[in-house]
């Protein structure tokens, strides 16, 4: 039993000021605690309602939406909550968005019926004079979070 719970239970038998003085608590602290009880209950009800909305949106979006998108969807519906609150409730509910996979780069498609250029070099890459053999290389260099190839990078 906490200090203020005891004062609340015994205030019918004794004065609040006397109880607080004996226990060593402040009277203003007791009344602040008493006023905060409905707020805590209201917050618990509001969070239970918000959990329902978060779960509904998460399921409707095939478990892909994370807290920023769910927060934006709630705002579109007219519900104003902080993104961090949505994030905390999602974490408590065990909801996490599925991560997409980056597709593997494909540089060659060998499964086609198009004519194929003849192999003139037959893997003999030695040139006896300039401009006799020309070669090319397809290198894929990924950079950044988006995984752009080097050729698309400006500058």
C-alpha atoms as a PDB file:
ATOM      1  CA  UNK A   1       0.000   0.000   0.000  1.00  0.00           C
ATOM      2  CA  UNK A   2       1.451   3.359  -0.995  1.00  0.00           C
ATOM      3  CA  UNK A   3       1.493   6.393   1.283  1.00  0.00           C
ATOM      4  CA  UNK A   4      -1.284   8.231  -0.516  1.00  0.00           C
ATOM      5  CA  UNK A   5      -3.416   5.082  -0.789  1.00  0.00           C
ATOM      6  CA  UNK A   6      -3.245   4.791   2.998  1.00  0.00           C
ATOM      7  CA  UNK A   7      -4.186   8.465   3.448  1.00  0.00           C
ATOM      8  CA  UNK A   8      -7.105   8.023   1.040  1.00  0.00           C
ATOM      9  CA  UNK A   9      -8.352   4.953   2.920  1.00  0.00           C
ATOM     10  CA  UNK A  10      -8.055   6.584   6.366  1.00  0.00           C
ATOM     11  CA  UNK A  11      -9.285  10.093   5.576  1.00  0.00           C
ATOM     12  CA  UNK A  12     -12.791   9.157   6.721  1.00  0.00           C
ATOM     13  CA  UNK A  13     -11.421   8.516  10.229  1.00  0.00           C
ATOM     14  CA  UNK A  14      -8.796  11.287  10.523  1.00  0.00           C
ATOM     15  CA  UNK A  15      -8.015  14.674   9.026  1.00  0.00           C
ATOM     16  CA  UNK A  16      -5.912  14.607   5.860  1.00  0.00           C
ATOM     17  CA  UNK A  17      -3.464  17.161   7.281  1.00  0.00           C
ATOM     18  CA  UNK A  18      -2.914  15.016  10.381  1.00  0.00           C
ATOM     19  CA  UNK A  19      -2.409  11.831   8.342  1.00  0.00           C
ATOM     20  CA  UNK A  20       0.037  13.544   5.981  1.00  0.00           C
ATOM     21  CA  UNK A  21       2.001  15.092   8.864  1.00  0.00           C
ATOM     22  CA  UNK A  22       2.309  11.718  10.670  1.00  0.00           C
ATOM     23  CA  UNK A  23       3.363   9.858   7.518  1.00  0.00           C
ATOM     24  CA  UNK A  24       5.666  12.641   6.343  1.00  0.00           C
ATOM     25  CA  UNK A  25       3.888  13.471   3.089  1.00  0.00           C
ATOM     26  CA  UNK A  26       2.648  16.817   1.840  1.00  0.00           C
ATOM     27  CA  UNK A  27      -1.053  17.623   1.732  1.00  0.00           C
ATOM     28  CA  UNK A  28      -0.695  19.200  -1.720  1.00  0.00           C
ATOM     29  CA  UNK A  29       1.027  16.032  -2.945  1.00  0.00           C
ATOM     30  CA  UNK A  30      -1.907  13.943  -1.722  1.00  0.00           C
ATOM     31  CA  UNK A  31      -4.473  16.111  -3.498  1.00  0.00           C
ATOM     32  CA  UNK A  32      -2.349  16.160  -6.685  1.00  0.00           C
ATOM     33  CA  UNK A  33      -2.232  12.344  -6.546  1.00  0.00           C
ATOM     34  CA  UNK A  34      -6.008  12.277  -6.016  1.00  0.00           C
ATOM     35  CA  UNK A  35      -6.588  14.499  -9.081  1.00  0.00           C
ATOM     36  CA  UNK A  36      -4.238  12.394 -11.221  1.00  0.00           C
ATOM     37  CA  UNK A  37      -6.204   9.148 -10.766  1.00  0.00           C
ATOM     38  CA  UNK A  38      -8.902   9.998 -13.371  1.00  0.00           C
ATOM     39  CA  UNK A  39      -6.206  11.179 -15.797  1.00  0.00           C
ATOM     40  CA  UNK A  40      -4.359   7.865 -15.545  1.00  0.00           C
ATOM     41  CA  UNK A  41      -7.605   5.944 -16.054  1.00  0.00           C
ATOM     42  CA  UNK A  42      -8.541   8.145 -19.024  1.00  0.00           C
ATOM     43  CA  UNK A  43      -5.085   7.654 -20.575  1.00  0.00           C
ATOM     44  CA  UNK A  44      -5.382   3.874 -20.218  1.00  0.00           C
ATOM     45  CA  UNK A  45      -8.777   3.930 -21.966  1.00  0.00           C
ATOM     46  CA  UNK A  46      -7.446   6.199 -24.728  1.00  0.00           C
ATOM     47  CA  UNK A  47      -4.430   3.953 -25.286  1.00  0.00           C
ATOM     48  CA  UNK A  48      -6.660   0.869 -25.444  1.00  0.00           C
ATOM     49  CA  UNK A  49      -8.728   2.594 -28.143  1.00  0.00           C
ATOM     50  CA  UNK A  50      -5.580   3.699 -29.984  1.00  0.00           C
ATOM     51  CA  UNK A  51      -4.220   0.131 -29.872  1.00  0.00           C
ATOM     52  CA  UNK A  52      -7.364  -1.022 -31.651  1.00  0.00           C
ATOM     53  CA  UNK A  53      -6.906   1.570 -34.409  1.00  0.00           C
ATOM     54  CA  UNK A  54      -3.208   0.733 -34.795  1.00  0.00           C
ATOM     55  CA  UNK A  55      -3.964  -2.990 -35.076  1.00  0.00           C
ATOM     56  CA  UNK A  56      -6.728  -2.347 -37.623  1.00  0.00           C
ATOM     57  CA  UNK A  57      -4.504  -0.181 -39.855  1.00  0.00           C
ATOM     58  CA  UNK A  58      -1.559  -2.582 -39.516  1.00  0.00           C
ATOM     59  CA  UNK A  59      -3.697  -5.553 -40.589  1.00  0.00           C
ATOM     60  CA  UNK A  60      -5.420  -3.620 -43.401  1.00  0.00           C
ATOM     61  CA  UNK A  61      -2.039  -2.673 -44.885  1.00  0.00           C
ATOM     62  CA  UNK A  62      -0.814  -6.301 -44.912  1.00  0.00           C
ATOM     63  CA  UNK A  63       1.645  -5.804 -42.021  1.00  0.00           C
ATOM     64  CA  UNK A  64       3.819  -3.495 -44.134  1.00  0.00           C
ATOM     65  CA  UNK A  65       3.218  -0.124 -42.444  1.00  0.00           C
ATOM     66  CA  UNK A  66       5.597   1.002 -39.715  1.00  0.00           C
ATOM     67  CA  UNK A  67       4.985   3.696 -37.117  1.00  0.00           C
ATOM     68  CA  UNK A  68       5.502   6.707 -39.471  1.00  0.00           C
ATOM     69  CA  UNK A  69       2.925   5.470 -41.969  1.00  0.00           C
ATOM     70  CA  UNK A  70       0.452   4.385 -39.299  1.00  0.00           C
ATOM     71  CA  UNK A  71       0.880   7.783 -37.635  1.00  0.00           C
ATOM     72  CA  UNK A  72       0.143   9.501 -40.969  1.00  0.00           C
ATOM     73  CA  UNK A  73      -2.916   7.291 -41.501  1.00  0.00           C
ATOM     74  CA  UNK A  74      -4.221   8.138 -38.022  1.00  0.00           C
ATOM     75  CA  UNK A  75      -3.774  11.848 -38.770  1.00  0.00           C
ATOM     76  CA  UNK A  76      -5.748  11.418 -42.010  1.00  0.00           C
ATOM     77  CA  UNK A  77      -8.529   9.901 -39.921  1.00  0.00           C
ATOM     78  CA  UNK A  78      -8.430  12.930 -37.603  1.00  0.00           C
ATOM     79  CA  UNK A  79      -6.683  11.283 -34.650  1.00  0.00           C
ATOM     80  CA  UNK A  80      -3.796  13.336 -33.324  1.00  0.00           C
ATOM     81  CA  UNK A  81      -1.144  11.367 -31.456  1.00  0.00           C
ATOM     82  CA  UNK A  82       2.617  11.620 -31.473  1.00  0.00           C
ATOM     83  CA  UNK A  83       4.584   9.261 -33.702  1.00  0.00           C
ATOM     84  CA  UNK A  84       6.627   8.141 -30.700  1.00  0.00           C
ATOM     85  CA  UNK A  85       3.448   7.137 -28.869  1.00  0.00           C
ATOM     86  CA  UNK A  86       2.361   5.089 -31.890  1.00  0.00           C
ATOM     87  CA  UNK A  87       5.862   3.600 -32.042  1.00  0.00           C
ATOM     88  CA  UNK A  88       5.791   2.669 -28.335  1.00  0.00           C
ATOM     89  CA  UNK A  89       2.346   1.069 -28.574  1.00  0.00           C
ATOM     90  CA  UNK A  90       3.364  -0.891 -31.676  1.00  0.00           C
ATOM     91  CA  UNK A  91       6.441  -2.153 -29.839  1.00  0.00           C
ATOM     92  CA  UNK A  92       4.312  -3.157 -26.813  1.00  0.00           C
ATOM     93  CA  UNK A  93       1.853  -4.933 -29.142  1.00  0.00           C
ATOM     94  CA  UNK A  94       4.716  -6.761 -30.873  1.00  0.00           C
ATOM     95  CA  UNK A  95       3.970  -5.218 -34.283  1.00  0.00           C
ATOM     96  CA  UNK A  96       6.851  -4.581 -36.653  1.00  0.00           C
ATOM     97  CA  UNK A  97       6.649  -3.877 -40.355  1.00  0.00           C
ATOM     98  CA  UNK A  98       7.894  -6.476 -42.801  1.00  0.00           C
ATOM     99  CA  UNK A  99      11.050  -5.390 -44.547  1.00  0.00           C
ATOM    100  CA  UNK A 100      11.103  -5.496 -48.321  1.00  0.00           C
ATOM    101  CA  UNK A 101      13.946  -7.174 -50.153  1.00  0.00           C
ATOM    102  CA  UNK A 102      16.011  -5.406 -52.743  1.00  0.00           C
ATOM    103  CA  UNK A 103      15.823  -7.303 -56.026  1.00  0.00           C
ATOM    104  CA  UNK A 104      19.070  -8.885 -57.171  1.00  0.00           C
ATOM    105  CA  UNK A 105      20.641  -6.994 -60.070  1.00  0.00           C
ATOM    106  CA  UNK A 106      20.228  -8.675 -63.442  1.00  0.00           C
ATOM    107  CA  UNK A 107      22.772  -7.802 -66.070  1.00  0.00           C
ATOM    108  CA  UNK A 108      22.230 -10.663 -68.483  1.00  0.00           C
ATOM    109  CA  UNK A 109      19.127 -12.423 -69.740  1.00  0.00           C
ATOM    110  CA  UNK A 110      20.277 -15.606 -71.454  1.00  0.00           C
ATOM    111  CA  UNK A 111      16.779 -17.022 -71.838  1.00  0.00           C
ATOM    112  CA  UNK A 112      15.659 -15.490 -75.119  1.00  0.00           C
ATOM    113  CA  UNK A 113      15.251 -16.376 -78.786  1.00  0.00           C
ATOM    114  CA  UNK A 114      17.012 -13.302 -80.154  1.00  0.00           C
ATOM    115  CA  UNK A 115      20.082 -13.701 -82.374  1.00  0.00           C
ATOM    116  CA  UNK A 116      23.358 -13.798 -80.471  1.00  0.00           C
ATOM    117  CA  UNK A 117      26.432 -11.927 -81.686  1.00  0.00           C
ATOM    118  CA  UNK A 118      29.195 -14.253 -82.891  1.00  0.00           C
ATOM    119  CA  UNK A 119      32.163 -14.800 -80.590  1.00  0.00           C
ATOM    120  CA  UNK A 120      34.908 -13.424 -82.834  1.00  0.00           C
ATOM    121  CA  UNK A 121      37.684 -13.518 -80.233  1.00  0.00           C
ATOM    122  CA  UNK A 122      37.204 -17.099 -79.002  1.00  0.00           C
ATOM    123  CA  UNK A 123      38.602 -15.856 -75.635  1.00  0.00           C
ATOM    124  CA  UNK A 124      41.843 -14.757 -77.273  1.00  0.00           C
ATOM    125  CA  UNK A 125      42.178 -11.255 -75.813  1.00  0.00           C
ATOM    126  CA  UNK A 126      45.726 -10.548 -77.016  1.00  0.00           C
ATOM    127  CA  UNK A 127      45.987  -7.709 -79.539  1.00  0.00           C
ATOM    128  CA  UNK A 128      48.981  -7.365 -81.838  1.00  0.00           C
ATOM    129  CA  UNK A 129      48.275  -3.758 -82.865  1.00  0.00           C
ATOM    130  CA  UNK A 130      46.040  -0.878 -81.652  1.00  0.00           C
ATOM    131  CA  UNK A 131      42.310  -0.891 -82.511  1.00  0.00           C
ATOM    132  CA  UNK A 132      42.355  -4.587 -83.318  1.00  0.00           C
ATOM    133  CA  UNK A 133      40.375  -5.797 -80.260  1.00  0.00           C
ATOM    134  CA  UNK A 134      37.889  -3.783 -78.249  1.00  0.00           C
ATOM    135  CA  UNK A 135      36.539  -5.031 -74.923  1.00  0.00           C
ATOM    136  CA  UNK A 136      33.861  -3.864 -72.506  1.00  0.00           C
ATOM    137  CA  UNK A 137      33.057  -4.657 -68.915  1.00  0.00           C
ATOM    138  CA  UNK A 138      29.764  -4.364 -67.078  1.00  0.00           C
ATOM    139  CA  UNK A 139      30.550  -3.573 -63.462  1.00  0.00           C
ATOM    140  CA  UNK A 140      27.833  -2.954 -60.897  1.00  0.00           C
ATOM    141  CA  UNK A 141      28.836  -0.669 -58.076  1.00  0.00           C
ATOM    142  CA  UNK A 142      26.064   0.005 -55.530  1.00  0.00           C
ATOM    143  CA  UNK A 143      26.185   3.044 -53.316  1.00  0.00           C
ATOM    144  CA  UNK A 144      23.819   4.699 -50.865  1.00  0.00           C
ATOM    145  CA  UNK A 145      20.709   3.321 -49.221  1.00  0.00           C
ATOM    146  CA  UNK A 146      18.759   3.259 -52.496  1.00  0.00           C
ATOM    147  CA  UNK A 147      21.370   1.082 -54.224  1.00  0.00           C
ATOM    148  CA  UNK A 148      21.786   3.141 -57.379  1.00  0.00           C
ATOM    149  CA  UNK A 149      24.412   2.047 -59.856  1.00  0.00           C
ATOM    150  CA  UNK A 150      27.429   4.254 -60.437  1.00  0.00           C
ATOM    151  CA  UNK A 151      26.235   5.312 -63.893  1.00  0.00           C
ATOM    152  CA  UNK A 152      23.106   6.975 -62.494  1.00  0.00           C
ATOM    153  CA  UNK A 153      24.975   9.007 -59.916  1.00  0.00           C
ATOM    154  CA  UNK A 154      25.164  12.703 -60.827  1.00  0.00           C
ATOM    155  CA  UNK A 155      28.605  14.277 -61.034  1.00  0.00           C
END
